Amino acid sequence: MEEVRGLYIALGKLKPSYREVIIWRKIEELSIKETAEILSWNEEKVKNTLRRANARAKTNRYRTKHIYPSHY
């Protein structure tokens, strides 16, 4: 439960395009092609944005963990 809360805190700190691609790819489990169609992006943009979003989310989760240690 605390892990999920941390994930949502980290997602909330992402810019909208990063949040969208993580939700479609990782939470809704859509393919790269499906995600590209929904977002009106090409597949390469989905891949690159997801890579950047994952890196930023990890950084945000690390920062959140140290700012709010009781959440983990």
C-alpha atoms as a PDB file:
ATOM      1  CA  MET A   1       0.000   0.000   0.000  1.00  0.00           C
ATOM      2  CA  GLU A   2       2.762   2.461   0.893  1.00  0.00           C
ATOM      3  CA  GLU A   3       4.605   1.515  -2.305  1.00  0.00           C
ATOM      4  CA  VAL A   4       1.529   2.440  -4.356  1.00  0.00           C
ATOM      5  CA  ARG A   5       1.185   5.744  -2.506  1.00  0.00           C
ATOM      6  CA  GLY A   6       4.807   6.540  -3.316  1.00  0.00           C
ATOM      7  CA  LEU A   7       4.208   5.713  -6.961  1.00  0.00           C
ATOM      8  CA  TYR A   8       1.247   8.095  -7.142  1.00  0.00           C
ATOM      9  CA  ILE A   9       3.217  10.845  -5.418  1.00  0.00           C
ATOM     10  CA  ALA A  10       6.030  10.380  -7.940  1.00  0.00           C
ATOM     11  CA  LEU A  11       3.581  10.350 -10.881  1.00  0.00           C
ATOM     12  CA  GLY A  12       1.963  13.531  -9.632  1.00  0.00           C
ATOM     13  CA  LYS A  13       5.290  15.321  -9.846  1.00  0.00           C
ATOM     14  CA  LEU A  14       5.836  14.433 -13.506  1.00  0.00           C
ATOM     15  CA  LYS A  15       5.008  16.725 -16.370  1.00  0.00           C
ATOM     16  CA  PRO A  16       1.794  15.693 -18.157  1.00  0.00           C
ATOM     17  CA  SER A  17       3.416  14.016 -21.182  1.00  0.00           C
ATOM     18  CA  TYR A  18       5.563  11.810 -18.903  1.00  0.00           C
ATOM     19  CA  ARG A  19       2.592  10.943 -16.714  1.00  0.00           C
ATOM     20  CA  GLU A  20       0.438  10.060 -19.740  1.00  0.00           C
ATOM     21  CA  VAL A  21       2.956   7.741 -21.340  1.00  0.00           C
ATOM     22  CA  ILE A  22       3.607   5.909 -18.057  1.00  0.00           C
ATOM     23  CA  ILE A  23      -0.108   5.463 -17.443  1.00  0.00           C
ATOM     24  CA  TRP A  24      -0.820   4.146 -20.951  1.00  0.00           C
ATOM     25  CA  ARG A  25       2.238   1.885 -21.192  1.00  0.00           C
ATOM     26  CA  LYS A  26       2.802   0.667 -17.634  1.00  0.00           C
ATOM     27  CA  ILE A  27      -0.551   0.882 -15.906  1.00  0.00           C
ATOM     28  CA  GLU A  28      -2.968   0.271 -18.799  1.00  0.00           C
ATOM     29  CA  GLU A  29      -0.384  -2.025 -20.457  1.00  0.00           C
ATOM     30  CA  LEU A  30      -0.966  -0.744 -23.982  1.00  0.00           C
ATOM     31  CA  SER A  31       1.541  -1.479 -26.716  1.00  0.00           C
ATOM     32  CA  ILE A  32       3.865   1.185 -28.066  1.00  0.00           C
ATOM     33  CA  LYS A  33       1.748   1.332 -31.216  1.00  0.00           C
ATOM     34  CA  GLU A  34      -1.523   1.727 -29.280  1.00  0.00           C
ATOM     35  CA  THR A  35       0.009   4.390 -27.048  1.00  0.00           C
ATOM     36  CA  ALA A  36       1.314   6.279 -30.080  1.00  0.00           C
ATOM     37  CA  GLU A  37      -2.127   6.233 -31.654  1.00  0.00           C
ATOM     38  CA  ILE A  38      -3.852   7.521 -28.507  1.00  0.00           C
ATOM     39  CA  LEU A  39      -1.324  10.302 -27.961  1.00  0.00           C
ATOM     40  CA  SER A  40      -1.003  11.139 -31.699  1.00  0.00           C
ATOM     41  CA  TRP A  41       2.753  10.548 -31.460  1.00  0.00           C
ATOM     42  CA  ASN A  42       5.064   8.382 -33.490  1.00  0.00           C
ATOM     43  CA  GLU A  43       6.355   5.179 -31.892  1.00  0.00           C
ATOM     44  CA  GLU A  44       9.864   6.544 -31.427  1.00  0.00           C
ATOM     45  CA  LYS A  45       8.523   9.483 -29.417  1.00  0.00           C
ATOM     46  CA  VAL A  46       6.631   7.051 -27.168  1.00  0.00           C
ATOM     47  CA  LYS A  47       9.834   5.054 -26.538  1.00  0.00           C
ATOM     48  CA  ASN A  48      11.958   8.126 -25.851  1.00  0.00           C
ATOM     49  CA  THR A  49       9.365   9.808 -23.652  1.00  0.00           C
ATOM     50  CA  LEU A  50       8.825   6.615 -21.662  1.00  0.00           C
ATOM     51  CA  ARG A  51      12.568   6.249 -21.086  1.00  0.00           C
ATOM     52  CA  ARG A  52      12.817   9.840 -19.853  1.00  0.00           C
ATOM     53  CA  ALA A  53       9.635   9.509 -17.779  1.00  0.00           C
ATOM     54  CA  ASN A  54      10.913   6.364 -16.053  1.00  0.00           C
ATOM     55  CA  ALA A  55      14.191   8.076 -15.194  1.00  0.00           C
ATOM     56  CA  ARG A  56      12.380  11.134 -13.811  1.00  0.00           C
ATOM     57  CA  ALA A  57       9.914   8.984 -11.849  1.00  0.00           C
ATOM     58  CA  LYS A  58      12.785   7.107 -10.209  1.00  0.00           C
ATOM     59  CA  THR A  59      14.408  10.404  -9.251  1.00  0.00           C
ATOM     60  CA  ASN A  60      11.105  11.708  -7.861  1.00  0.00           C
ATOM     61  CA  ARG A  61      10.507   8.518  -5.869  1.00  0.00           C
ATOM     62  CA  TYR A  62      14.025   8.752  -4.412  1.00  0.00           C
ATOM     63  CA  ARG A  63      13.458  12.372  -3.407  1.00  0.00           C
ATOM     64  CA  THR A  64      10.002  11.611  -1.997  1.00  0.00           C
ATOM     65  CA  LYS A  65      11.390   8.700   0.006  1.00  0.00           C
ATOM     66  CA  HIS A  66      13.921  10.981   1.666  1.00  0.00           C
ATOM     67  CA  ILE A  67      11.510  13.862   2.230  1.00  0.00           C
ATOM     68  CA  TYR A  68       8.635  11.669   3.487  1.00  0.00           C
ATOM     69  CA  PRO A  69      10.317   8.551   4.903  1.00  0.00           C
ATOM     70  CA  SER A  70       7.177   7.478   6.758  1.00  0.00           C
ATOM     71  CA  HIS A  71       5.525   6.807   3.371  1.00  0.00           C
ATOM     72  CA  TYR A  72       7.841   3.852   2.761  1.00  0.00           C
END
